[in-house]
C-alpha atoms as a PDB file:
ATOM      1  CA  MET A   1      15.939  10.551 -12.153  1.00  0.00           C
ATOM      2  CA  LYS A   2      14.592   8.721  -9.175  1.00  0.00           C
ATOM      3  CA  THR A   3      10.900   7.736  -9.158  1.00  0.00           C
ATOM      4  CA  PHE A   4       8.666   8.211  -6.155  1.00  0.00           C
ATOM      5  CA  THR A   5       9.141   4.531  -5.295  1.00  0.00           C
ATOM      6  CA  ASP A   6      12.832   4.908  -5.405  1.00  0.00           C
ATOM      7  CA  GLU A   7      12.684   7.945  -3.068  1.00  0.00           C
ATOM      8  CA  ILE A   8      10.766   5.906  -0.604  1.00  0.00           C
ATOM      9  CA  LYS A   9      12.979   2.719  -0.963  1.00  0.00           C
ATOM     10  CA  TYR A  10      16.403   4.363  -1.011  1.00  0.00           C
ATOM     11  CA  SER A  11      15.920   7.657   0.979  1.00  0.00           C
ATOM     12  CA  PHE A  12      12.949   7.652   3.309  1.00  0.00           C
ATOM     13  CA  LEU A  13      13.157   3.995   4.479  1.00  0.00           C
ATOM     14  CA  PRO A  14      16.896   3.809   5.129  1.00  0.00           C
ATOM     15  CA  ARG A  15      17.004   7.196   6.742  1.00  0.00           C
ATOM     16  CA  TYR A  16      13.954   6.946   9.148  1.00  0.00           C
ATOM     17  CA  GLY A  17      13.606   3.153   9.469  1.00  0.00           C
ATOM     18  CA  ALA A  18      10.685   2.221  11.822  1.00  0.00           C
ATOM     19  CA  LEU A  19       9.223   5.763  11.692  1.00  0.00           C
ATOM     20  CA  ALA A  20       9.029   5.426   7.854  1.00  0.00           C
ATOM     21  CA  GLU A  21       7.574   1.825   8.138  1.00  0.00           C
ATOM     22  CA  ILE A  22       4.819   2.815  10.574  1.00  0.00           C
ATOM     23  CA  ILE A  23       3.846   5.962   8.570  1.00  0.00           C
ATOM     24  CA  ILE A  24       3.858   3.984   5.192  1.00  0.00           C
ATOM     25  CA  LEU A  25       1.584   1.184   6.769  1.00  0.00           C
ATOM     26  CA  ASN A  26      -0.978   3.803   8.072  1.00  0.00           C
ATOM     27  CA  VAL A  27      -0.990   6.000   5.021  1.00  0.00           C
ATOM     28  CA  GLY A  28      -0.876   3.079   2.578  1.00  0.00           C
ATOM     29  CA  LEU A  29      -3.984   1.395   4.225  1.00  0.00           C
ATOM     30  CA  TYR A  30      -5.617   4.715   4.305  1.00  0.00           C
ATOM     31  CA  VAL A  31      -5.145   5.186   0.527  1.00  0.00           C
ATOM     32  CA  VAL A  32      -6.153   1.663  -0.363  1.00  0.00           C
ATOM     33  CA  LEU A  33      -9.375   1.909   1.691  1.00  0.00           C
ATOM     34  CA  GLY A  34     -10.084   5.230   0.098  1.00  0.00           C
ATOM     35  CA  LEU A  35      -9.683   4.027  -3.475  1.00  0.00           C
ATOM     36  CA  VAL A  36     -11.747   0.868  -2.741  1.00  0.00           C
ATOM     37  CA  GLY A  37     -14.351   2.848  -0.960  1.00  0.00           C
ATOM     38  CA  LEU A  38     -14.596   5.151  -4.030  1.00  0.00           C
ATOM     39  CA  THR A  39     -15.687   2.317  -6.276  1.00  0.00           C
ATOM     40  CA  PHE A  40     -18.435   1.459  -3.669  1.00  0.00           C
ATOM     41  CA  PHE A  41     -19.467   5.074  -3.577  1.00  0.00           C
ATOM     42  CA  PHE A  42     -20.041   5.286  -7.249  1.00  0.00           C
ATOM     43  CA  ALA A  43     -21.910   1.934  -7.105  1.00  0.00           C
ATOM     44  CA  GLY A  44     -24.254   3.533  -4.474  1.00  0.00           C
ATOM     45  CA  SER A  45     -23.215   1.119  -1.767  1.00  0.00           C
ATOM     46  CA  TYR A  46     -20.526   2.983   0.285  1.00  0.00           C
ATOM     47  CA  GLY A  47     -22.466   2.390   3.502  1.00  0.00           C
ATOM     48  CA  ILE A  48     -22.028  -1.331   3.096  1.00  0.00           C
ATOM     49  CA  PHE A  49     -18.386  -0.914   2.531  1.00  0.00           C
ATOM     50  CA  GLU A  50     -17.821   1.404   5.498  1.00  0.00           C
ATOM     51  CA  GLY A  51     -19.903  -0.944   7.750  1.00  0.00           C
ATOM     52  CA  PHE A  52     -17.757  -4.031   6.678  1.00  0.00           C
ATOM     53  CA  VAL A  53     -14.506  -2.300   7.343  1.00  0.00           C
ATOM     54  CA  ARG A  54     -15.695  -1.026  10.751  1.00  0.00           C
ATOM     55  CA  GLU A  55     -16.976  -4.464  11.669  1.00  0.00           C
ATOM     56  CA  TYR A  56     -13.871  -6.390  10.751  1.00  0.00           C
ATOM     57  CA  LEU A  57     -10.940  -3.961  11.296  1.00  0.00           C
ATOM     58  CA  SER A  58     -12.060  -1.606  14.172  1.00  0.00           C
ATOM     59  CA  LEU A  59     -11.890  -2.708  17.774  1.00  0.00           C
ATOM     60  CA  PRO A  60     -15.473  -3.362  19.144  1.00  0.00           C
ATOM     61  CA  SER A  61     -16.221  -2.684  22.767  1.00  0.00           C
ATOM     62  CA  ASN A  62     -18.473  -5.759  22.700  1.00  0.00           C
ATOM     63  CA  LEU A  63     -16.305  -8.502  24.163  1.00  0.00           C
ATOM     64  CA  GLY A  64     -18.509 -11.228  22.450  1.00  0.00           C
ATOM     65  CA  LEU A  65     -17.887  -9.777  19.184  1.00  0.00           C
ATOM     66  CA  LEU A  66     -14.225  -9.286  19.858  1.00  0.00           C
ATOM     67  CA  LEU A  67     -13.876 -13.027  20.542  1.00  0.00           C
ATOM     68  CA  PHE A  68     -14.566 -13.665  16.983  1.00  0.00           C
ATOM     69  CA  ARG A  69     -12.412 -10.803  15.723  1.00  0.00           C
ATOM     70  CA  PRO A  70      -9.218 -10.834  17.978  1.00  0.00           C
ATOM     71  CA  TRP A  71      -7.001  -9.389  15.186  1.00  0.00           C
ATOM     72  CA  THR A  72      -8.767  -5.983  15.638  1.00  0.00           C
ATOM     73  CA  ILE A  73      -6.647  -5.484  18.893  1.00  0.00           C
ATOM     74  CA  ILE A  74      -3.906  -4.713  16.369  1.00  0.00           C
ATOM     75  CA  SER A  75      -5.691  -3.694  13.249  1.00  0.00           C
ATOM     76  CA  TYR A  76      -7.546  -0.750  14.745  1.00  0.00           C
ATOM     77  CA  GLY A  77      -4.153   0.958  15.381  1.00  0.00           C
ATOM     78  CA  PHE A  78      -3.497   1.237  11.712  1.00  0.00           C
ATOM     79  CA  LEU A  79      -7.034   2.161  10.523  1.00  0.00           C
ATOM     80  CA  HIS A  80      -8.288   5.578   9.535  1.00  0.00           C
ATOM     81  CA  PHE A  81     -11.494   6.061   7.508  1.00  0.00           C
ATOM     82  CA  PRO A  82     -11.268   8.193   4.348  1.00  0.00           C
ATOM     83  CA  GLU A  83     -13.187  11.068   5.879  1.00  0.00           C
ATOM     84  CA  ALA A  84     -10.799  11.295   8.891  1.00  0.00           C
ATOM     85  CA  VAL A  85      -8.120  13.051   6.833  1.00  0.00           C
ATOM     86  CA  PHE A  86      -7.011  15.386   9.633  1.00  0.00           C
ATOM     87  CA  HIS A  87      -7.020  12.485  12.095  1.00  0.00           C
ATOM     88  CA  ILE A  88      -4.349  10.571  10.164  1.00  0.00           C
ATOM     89  CA  ALA A  89      -2.489  13.776   9.067  1.00  0.00           C
ATOM     90  CA  PHE A  90      -1.819  14.879  12.658  1.00  0.00           C
ATOM     91  CA  ASN A  91      -1.173  11.363  13.933  1.00  0.00           C
ATOM     92  CA  MET A  92       1.544  10.850  11.331  1.00  0.00           C
ATOM     93  CA  LEU A  93       2.942  14.427  11.788  1.00  0.00           C
ATOM     94  CA  TRP A  94       3.382  14.051  15.540  1.00  0.00           C
ATOM     95  CA  MET A  95       4.734  10.517  15.041  1.00  0.00           C
ATOM     96  CA  PHE A  96       7.377  11.955  12.610  1.00  0.00           C
ATOM     97  CA  TRP A  97       8.255  15.109  14.728  1.00  0.00           C
ATOM     98  CA  ILE A  98       8.672  13.374  18.010  1.00  0.00           C
ATOM     99  CA  GLY A  99       9.847   9.962  16.683  1.00  0.00           C
ATOM    100  CA  ARG A 100      12.842  11.672  15.177  1.00  0.00           C
ATOM    101  CA  ILE A 101      13.917  12.987  18.544  1.00  0.00           C
ATOM    102  CA  LEU A 102      13.608   9.548  20.037  1.00  0.00           C
ATOM    103  CA  ALA A 103      15.627   7.997  17.213  1.00  0.00           C
ATOM    104  CA  GLU A 104      18.461  10.430  18.062  1.00  0.00           C
ATOM    105  CA  TYR A 105      18.555   9.549  21.624  1.00  0.00           C
ATOM    106  CA  ILE A 106      17.881   5.781  21.777  1.00  0.00           C
ATOM    107  CA  SER A 107      20.060   2.882  20.829  1.00  0.00           C
ATOM    108  CA  GLN A 108      18.411   0.144  18.580  1.00  0.00           C
ATOM    109  CA  ARG A 109      15.958   2.773  17.474  1.00  0.00           C
ATOM    110  CA  ASN A 110      13.911   0.710  15.036  1.00  0.00           C
ATOM    111  CA  LYS A 111      13.379  -1.937  17.710  1.00  0.00           C
ATOM    112  CA  HIS A 112      12.175   0.468  20.382  1.00  0.00           C
ATOM    113  CA  ILE A 113      10.131   2.644  18.111  1.00  0.00           C
ATOM    114  CA  TRP A 114       8.263  -0.260  16.721  1.00  0.00           C
ATOM    115  CA  SER A 115       7.983  -1.714  20.269  1.00  0.00           C
ATOM    116  CA  LEU A 116       6.623   1.541  21.742  1.00  0.00           C
ATOM    117  CA  TYR A 117       4.175   2.000  19.069  1.00  0.00           C
ATOM    118  CA  MET A 118       2.783  -1.499  19.214  1.00  0.00           C
ATOM    119  CA  TRP A 119       2.829  -1.613  23.100  1.00  0.00           C
ATOM    120  CA  GLY A 120       0.836   1.716  22.851  1.00  0.00           C
ATOM    121  CA  VAL A 121      -1.739   0.124  20.503  1.00  0.00           C
ATOM    122  CA  LEU A 122      -2.182  -2.887  22.899  1.00  0.00           C
ATOM    123  CA  ALA A 123      -2.474  -0.744  26.017  1.00  0.00           C
ATOM    124  CA  GLY A 124      -4.980   1.496  24.285  1.00  0.00           C
ATOM    125  CA  ALA A 125      -6.970  -1.445  23.490  1.00  0.00           C
ATOM    126  CA  VAL A 126      -6.898  -2.827  27.002  1.00  0.00           C
ATOM    127  CA  PHE A 127      -7.800   0.670  28.607  1.00  0.00           C
ATOM    128  CA  TYR A 128     -10.684   1.039  26.093  1.00  0.00           C
ATOM    129  CA  LEU A 129     -12.093  -2.436  26.564  1.00  0.00           C
ATOM    130  CA  LEU A 130     -11.882  -2.023  30.495  1.00  0.00           C
ATOM    131  CA  ALA A 131     -13.445   1.315  30.451  1.00  0.00           C
ATOM    132  CA  THR A 132     -16.373   0.533  28.028  1.00  0.00           C
ATOM    133  CA  ASN A 133     -17.263  -2.684  29.917  1.00  0.00           C
ATOM    134  CA  LEU A 134     -16.793  -1.520  33.541  1.00  0.00           C
ATOM    135  CA  PHE A 135     -18.118   2.085  33.696  1.00  0.00           C
ATOM    136  CA  PRO A 136     -21.945   2.576  33.905  1.00  0.00           C
ATOM    137  CA  ILE A 137     -21.796   5.449  31.369  1.00  0.00           C
ATOM    138  CA  PHE A 138     -20.945   3.018  28.544  1.00  0.00           C
ATOM    139  CA  ARG A 139     -23.449   0.253  29.361  1.00  0.00           C
ATOM    140  CA  GLY A 140     -25.886  -0.698  26.652  1.00  0.00           C
ATOM    141  CA  THR A 141     -23.787   0.771  23.939  1.00  0.00           C
ATOM    142  CA  ASN A 142     -21.441  -0.621  21.353  1.00  0.00           C
ATOM    143  CA  PHE A 143     -18.387   1.499  20.279  1.00  0.00           C
ATOM    144  CA  PHE A 144     -15.766   0.857  17.627  1.00  0.00           C
ATOM    145  CA  LEU A 145     -12.301   2.136  18.096  1.00  0.00           C
ATOM    146  CA  ASN A 146      -9.877   3.065  15.224  1.00  0.00           C
ATOM    147  CA  GLY A 147      -6.772   5.214  14.710  1.00  0.00           C
ATOM    148  CA  ALA A 148      -3.051   5.316  15.598  1.00  0.00           C
ATOM    149  CA  SER A 149      -3.522   7.840  18.380  1.00  0.00           C
ATOM    150  CA  ALA A 150      -2.701   5.299  21.260  1.00  0.00           C
ATOM    151  CA  GLY A 151       0.510   4.229  19.576  1.00  0.00           C
ATOM    152  CA  VAL A 152       1.433   7.821  18.672  1.00  0.00           C
ATOM    153  CA  THR A 153       0.757   8.926  22.312  1.00  0.00           C
ATOM    154  CA  ALA A 154       3.101   6.094  23.562  1.00  0.00           C
ATOM    155  CA  ILE A 155       5.863   7.520  21.280  1.00  0.00           C
ATOM    156  CA  ILE A 156       5.325  11.076  22.532  1.00  0.00           C
ATOM    157  CA  VAL A 157       5.151  10.185  26.275  1.00  0.00           C
ATOM    158  CA  GLY A 158       7.977   7.826  25.869  1.00  0.00           C
ATOM    159  CA  THR A 159      10.146  10.396  24.281  1.00  0.00           C
ATOM    160  CA  ALA A 160       9.296  12.970  26.955  1.00  0.00           C
ATOM    161  CA  THR A 161      10.339  10.366  29.588  1.00  0.00           C
ATOM    162  CA  LEU A 162      13.670   9.607  27.944  1.00  0.00           C
ATOM    163  CA  VAL A 163      14.556  13.188  27.164  1.00  0.00           C
ATOM    164  CA  PRO A 164      12.135  15.524  29.086  1.00  0.00           C
ATOM    165  CA  ASP A 165      14.231  18.702  28.402  1.00  0.00           C
ATOM    166  CA  ALA A 166      14.445  18.107  24.618  1.00  0.00           C
ATOM    167  CA  THR A 167      12.621  20.843  22.841  1.00  0.00           C
ATOM    168  CA  ILE A 168      10.257  21.135  19.705  1.00  0.00           C
ATOM    169  CA  PHE A 169       9.257  24.436  18.053  1.00  0.00           C
ATOM    170  CA  LEU A 170       5.519  25.011  17.839  1.00  0.00           C
ATOM    171  CA  LEU A 171       3.838  27.810  15.844  1.00  0.00           C
ATOM    172  CA  PHE A 172       2.872  30.655  18.098  1.00  0.00           C
ATOM    173  CA  PHE A 173       4.575  29.039  21.046  1.00  0.00           C
ATOM    174  CA  GLY A 174       8.192  28.804  20.042  1.00  0.00           C
ATOM    175  CA  ALA A 175      10.355  26.164  21.813  1.00  0.00           C
ATOM    176  CA  VAL A 176       8.512  23.936  24.069  1.00  0.00           C
ATOM    177  CA  ARG A 177      10.021  21.240  26.219  1.00  0.00           C
ATOM    178  CA  LEU A 178       8.706  17.761  25.670  1.00  0.00           C
ATOM    179  CA  LYS A 179       7.871  17.179  29.285  1.00  0.00           C
ATOM    180  CA  TRP A 180       5.392  20.072  29.106  1.00  0.00           C
ATOM    181  CA  LEU A 181       4.004  19.045  25.715  1.00  0.00           C
ATOM    182  CA  ALA A 182       3.326  15.432  26.967  1.00  0.00           C
ATOM    183  CA  LEU A 183       1.711  16.717  30.005  1.00  0.00           C
ATOM    184  CA  VAL A 184      -0.602  19.004  28.087  1.00  0.00           C
ATOM    185  CA  PHE A 185      -1.458  15.991  25.802  1.00  0.00           C
ATOM    186  CA  VAL A 186      -2.460  13.826  28.749  1.00  0.00           C
ATOM    187  CA  LEU A 187      -4.370  16.594  30.571  1.00  0.00           C
ATOM    188  CA  LEU A 188      -6.410  17.477  27.471  1.00  0.00           C
ATOM    189  CA  ASP A 189      -7.470  13.901  27.101  1.00  0.00           C
ATOM    190  CA  VAL A 190      -8.473  13.647  30.714  1.00  0.00           C
ATOM    191  CA  LEU A 191     -10.246  17.044  30.810  1.00  0.00           C
ATOM    192  CA  MET A 192     -12.095  16.447  27.339  1.00  0.00           C
ATOM    193  CA  LEU A 193     -13.471  12.958  28.364  1.00  0.00           C
ATOM    194  CA  PRO A 194     -17.076  14.275  28.710  1.00  0.00           C
ATOM    195  CA  ALA A 195     -16.840  16.359  25.563  1.00  0.00           C
ATOM    196  CA  GLY A 196     -16.841  13.572  23.052  1.00  0.00           C
ATOM    197  CA  ASN A 197     -15.083  10.334  21.903  1.00  0.00           C
ATOM    198  CA  PRO A 198     -14.491   9.200  25.422  1.00  0.00           C
ATOM    199  CA  GLY A 199     -13.454   5.761  24.294  1.00  0.00           C
ATOM    200  CA  GLY A 200     -10.711   7.096  22.112  1.00  0.00           C
ATOM    201  CA  ARG A 201      -9.388   9.424  24.807  1.00  0.00           C
ATOM    202  CA  ILE A 202      -9.217   6.535  27.338  1.00  0.00           C
ATOM    203  CA  ALA A 203      -7.336   4.698  24.614  1.00  0.00           C
ATOM    204  CA  HIS A 204      -4.903   7.667  24.407  1.00  0.00           C
ATOM    205  CA  LEU A 205      -4.268   7.486  28.245  1.00  0.00           C
ATOM    206  CA  GLY A 206      -3.468   3.798  27.884  1.00  0.00           C
ATOM    207  CA  GLY A 207      -0.860   4.739  25.273  1.00  0.00           C
ATOM    208  CA  ALA A 208       0.609   7.413  27.584  1.00  0.00           C
ATOM    209  CA  PHE A 209       0.777   5.041  30.539  1.00  0.00           C
ATOM    210  CA  ILE A 210       2.623   2.362  28.628  1.00  0.00           C
ATOM    211  CA  GLY A 211       5.004   4.991  26.986  1.00  0.00           C
ATOM    212  CA  PHE A 212       6.042   6.198  30.389  1.00  0.00           C
ATOM    213  CA  LEU A 213       6.325   2.561  31.710  1.00  0.00           C
ATOM    214  CA  TYR A 214       8.226   1.224  28.788  1.00  0.00           C
ATOM    215  CA  ILE A 215      10.999   3.891  28.872  1.00  0.00           C
ATOM    216  CA  SER A 216      11.221   3.813  32.552  1.00  0.00           C
ATOM    217  CA  GLN A 217      11.781  -0.014  32.627  1.00  0.00           C
ATOM    218  CA  LEU A 218      14.341   0.478  29.773  1.00  0.00           C
ATOM    219  CA  GLN A 219      16.218   3.013  31.857  1.00  0.00           C
ATOM    220  CA  LYS A 220      16.310   0.338  34.591  1.00  0.00           C
ATOM    221  CA  GLY A 221      17.711  -2.322  32.362  1.00  0.00           C
ATOM    222  CA  SER A 222      14.467  -4.174  31.582  1.00  0.00           C
ATOM    223  CA  ASP A 223      13.906  -4.325  27.859  1.00  0.00           C
ATOM    224  CA  TRP A 224      10.275  -4.889  26.789  1.00  0.00           C
ATOM    225  CA  GLY A 225      11.286  -4.937  23.206  1.00  0.00           C
ATOM    226  CA  ILE A 226      12.187  -8.513  23.425  1.00  0.00           C
ATOM    227  CA  LEU A 227       8.994  -9.470  21.671  1.00  0.00           C
ATOM    228  CA  TYR A 228      10.193  -7.363  18.608  1.00  0.00           C
ATOM    229  CA  ASP A 229      13.426  -9.557  18.623  1.00  0.00           C
ATOM    230  CA  LYS A 230      11.447 -12.817  18.589  1.00  0.00           C
ATOM    231  CA  ILE A 231       9.015 -11.632  15.805  1.00  0.00           C
ATOM    232  CA  GLN A 232      12.025 -10.448  13.769  1.00  0.00           C
ATOM    233  CA  ALA A 233      13.774 -13.829  14.123  1.00  0.00           C
ATOM    234  CA  LEU A 234      10.706 -15.527  12.729  1.00  0.00           C
ATOM    235  CA  PHE A 235      10.702 -13.479   9.599  1.00  0.00           C
ATOM    236  CA  ARG A 236      14.417 -12.908   9.255  1.00  0.00           C
ATOM    237  CA  PRO A 237      15.810 -14.750   6.177  1.00  0.00           C
ATOM    238  CA  LYS A 238      18.579 -17.213   6.458  1.00  0.00           C
ATOM    239  CA  PRO A 239      22.002 -15.301   5.892  1.00  0.00           C
ATOM    240  CA  LYS A 240      23.215 -15.694   2.352  1.00  0.00           C
ATOM    241  CA  PRO A 241      27.027 -16.382   1.740  1.00  0.00           C
ATOM    242  CA  ARG A 242      28.708 -13.034   1.838  1.00  0.00           C
ATOM    243  CA  MET A 243      30.360 -11.980  -1.397  1.00  0.00           C
ATOM    244  CA  ARG A 244      33.998 -11.361  -0.932  1.00  0.00           C
ATOM    245  CA  VAL A 245      36.606  -9.473  -3.096  1.00  0.00           C
ATOM    246  CA  VAL A 246      39.619 -11.791  -3.234  1.00  0.00           C
ATOM    247  CA  SER A 247      43.087 -10.770  -4.392  1.00  0.00           C
ATOM    248  CA  SER A 248      44.470 -12.569  -7.528  1.00  0.00           C
ATOM    249  CA  ARG A 249      48.048 -11.594  -6.771  1.00  0.00           C
ATOM    250  CA  VAL A 250      50.608 -14.483  -7.014  1.00  0.00           C
ATOM    251  CA  ALA A 251      52.256 -15.151  -3.710  1.00  0.00           C
ATOM    252  CA  THR A 252      55.918 -14.506  -3.505  1.00  0.00           C
ATOM    253  CA  PRO A 253      58.544 -16.970  -2.091  1.00  0.00           C
ATOM    254  CA  SER A 254      58.618 -15.115   1.260  1.00  0.00           C
ATOM    255  CA  GLN A 255      54.842 -15.088   1.427  1.00  0.00           C
ATOM    256  CA  PRO A 256      53.798 -18.754   0.603  1.00  0.00           C
ATOM    257  CA  THR A 257      50.157 -19.561  -0.222  1.00  0.00           C
ATOM    258  CA  GLY A 258      47.793 -21.499   2.196  1.00  0.00           C
ATOM    259  CA  LYS A 259      46.342 -20.510   5.520  1.00  0.00           C
ATOM    260  CA  ALA A 260      48.265 -18.016   7.600  1.00  0.00           C
ATOM    261  CA  SER A 261      49.177 -19.110  11.133  1.00  0.00           C
ATOM    262  CA  ALA A 262      47.050 -17.787  13.795  1.00  0.00           C
ATOM    263  CA  SER A 263      50.073 -16.711  15.671  1.00  0.00           C
ATOM    264  CA  SER A 264      51.619 -14.945  12.743  1.00  0.00           C
ATOM    265  CA  PRO A 265      48.933 -12.568  11.182  1.00  0.00           C
ATOM    266  CA  GLN A 266      49.938 -10.935   7.920  1.00  0.00           C
ATOM    267  CA  PRO A 267      50.269  -7.198   8.151  1.00  0.00           C
ATOM    268  CA  GLN A 268      47.781  -5.047   6.010  1.00  0.00           C
ATOM    269  CA  GLN A 269      49.637  -3.379   3.195  1.00  0.00           C
ATOM    270  CA  ALA A 270      49.460   0.376   3.190  1.00  0.00           C
ATOM    271  CA  GLY A 271      46.570   1.861   1.186  1.00  0.00           C
ATOM    272  CA  LYS A 272      44.937  -1.463   0.744  1.00  0.00           C
ATOM    273  CA  PRO A 273      41.235  -1.516   2.157  1.00  0.00           C
ATOM    274  CA  SER A 274      40.607  -4.007   4.866  1.00  0.00           C
ATOM    275  CA  GLN A 275      38.206  -6.843   4.376  1.00  0.00           C
ATOM    276  CA  GLN A 276      36.040  -5.262   7.130  1.00  0.00           C
ATOM    277  CA  GLU A 277      35.781  -2.102   5.003  1.00  0.00           C
ATOM    278  CA  ILE A 278      34.915  -4.048   1.772  1.00  0.00           C
ATOM    279  CA  ASP A 279      32.268  -6.134   3.756  1.00  0.00           C
ATOM    280  CA  ARG A 280      30.708  -2.829   5.096  1.00  0.00           C
ATOM    281  CA  ILE A 281      30.366  -1.537   1.450  1.00  0.00           C
ATOM    282  CA  LEU A 282      28.997  -4.779   0.130  1.00  0.00           C
ATOM    283  CA  ASP A 283      26.302  -4.812   3.008  1.00  0.00           C
ATOM    284  CA  LYS A 284      25.423  -1.228   2.036  1.00  0.00           C
ATOM    285  CA  ILE A 285      24.980  -2.278  -1.548  1.00  0.00           C
ATOM    286  CA  GLN A 286      22.474  -4.873  -0.496  1.00  0.00           C
ATOM    287  CA  SER A 287      20.638  -2.443   1.733  1.00  0.00           C
ATOM    288  CA  VAL A 288      20.418   0.718  -0.422  1.00  0.00           C
ATOM    289  CA  GLY A 289      21.850  -0.195  -3.815  1.00  0.00           C
ATOM    290  CA  TYR A 290      25.159   0.613  -5.609  1.00  0.00           C
ATOM    291  CA  GLU A 291      24.025   3.965  -6.877  1.00  0.00           C
ATOM    292  CA  ASN A 292      23.777   5.298  -3.210  1.00  0.00           C
ATOM    293  CA  LEU A 293      27.441   4.650  -2.393  1.00  0.00           C
ATOM    294  CA  THR A 294      29.721   7.595  -1.951  1.00  0.00           C
ATOM    295  CA  THR A 295      32.452   8.231  -4.547  1.00  0.00           C
ATOM    296  CA  GLU A 296      35.010   7.082  -2.062  1.00  0.00           C
ATOM    297  CA  GLU A 297      33.148   3.771  -1.379  1.00  0.00           C
ATOM    298  CA  LYS A 298      32.954   3.151  -5.091  1.00  0.00           C
ATOM    299  CA  GLN A 299      36.617   3.814  -5.519  1.00  0.00           C
ATOM    300  CA  THR A 300      37.561   1.561  -2.742  1.00  0.00           C
ATOM    301  CA  LEU A 301      35.578  -1.215  -4.194  1.00  0.00           C
ATOM    302  CA  TYR A 302      37.061  -0.606  -7.565  1.00  0.00           C
ATOM    303  CA  ASN A 303      40.610  -0.529  -6.219  1.00  0.00           C
ATOM    304  CA  ALA A 304      40.010  -3.767  -4.145  1.00  0.00           C
ATOM    305  CA  GLY A 305      38.781  -5.627  -7.269  1.00  0.00           C
ATOM    306  CA  LYS A 306      42.013  -4.813  -8.983  1.00  0.00           C
ATOM    307  CA  GLU A 307      44.257  -6.345  -6.317  1.00  0.00           C
END
């Protein structure tokens, strides 16, 4: 019987890739902060804990403060306070619902989903900092921004840009095309600016802008996901020597041992699995474990080992 950890490792992560990784990071940080905050609550000092988290993980509008906390340009996009349960719930649900559609229509889905999300977080930070430091309405105040909404909005608008006529079913509304859904999201953020949380809504608009721009440029052949490739290369482990299944059959006089001539490739025997198929199965074992192989793949590997 699979444990909860096994379900995440062997089912959720392999199936949804970048979507699962982003959701796990957001929810994981939310749970950790909630549990740590609980200990401070019982100690009677929850306000100190909340203030510390807000100070060092949220994005400040004060540029002088930001100078000493540059990491908050990224960290705010994964931060939700324990009391904001509906905030993180709806962010992750929209991420999952719309992100699955994007994954179906875009190549290199992990690369582009991660890139869209991070570009959305960065663009949200830039729009927020520009607005809170340029517009008179924000003068004399210091705001702190947190939440995944800018990144999620980039995913929503980016998906609507790529496949505008794809549909999603909403309660009470039925099938809604993504282009209209994205338009409503953006219009609501614009119209509700005076109603509250103006800094957050401006950050959403930054995410919407970059989501549209990212996919538009991708459709023109300009790949803004190159940063993801470079970061991946830094952390990618050196490739290990690939395990190979080797035949132990003794060569016949008509088929001498030694390297085959490049001009005379040996024909593959009927029913014998190719080395490419064996390599694929071995790679799958490294990714998701032997127990997740299909019956046919296990039999193929068993038969190859008998050769």
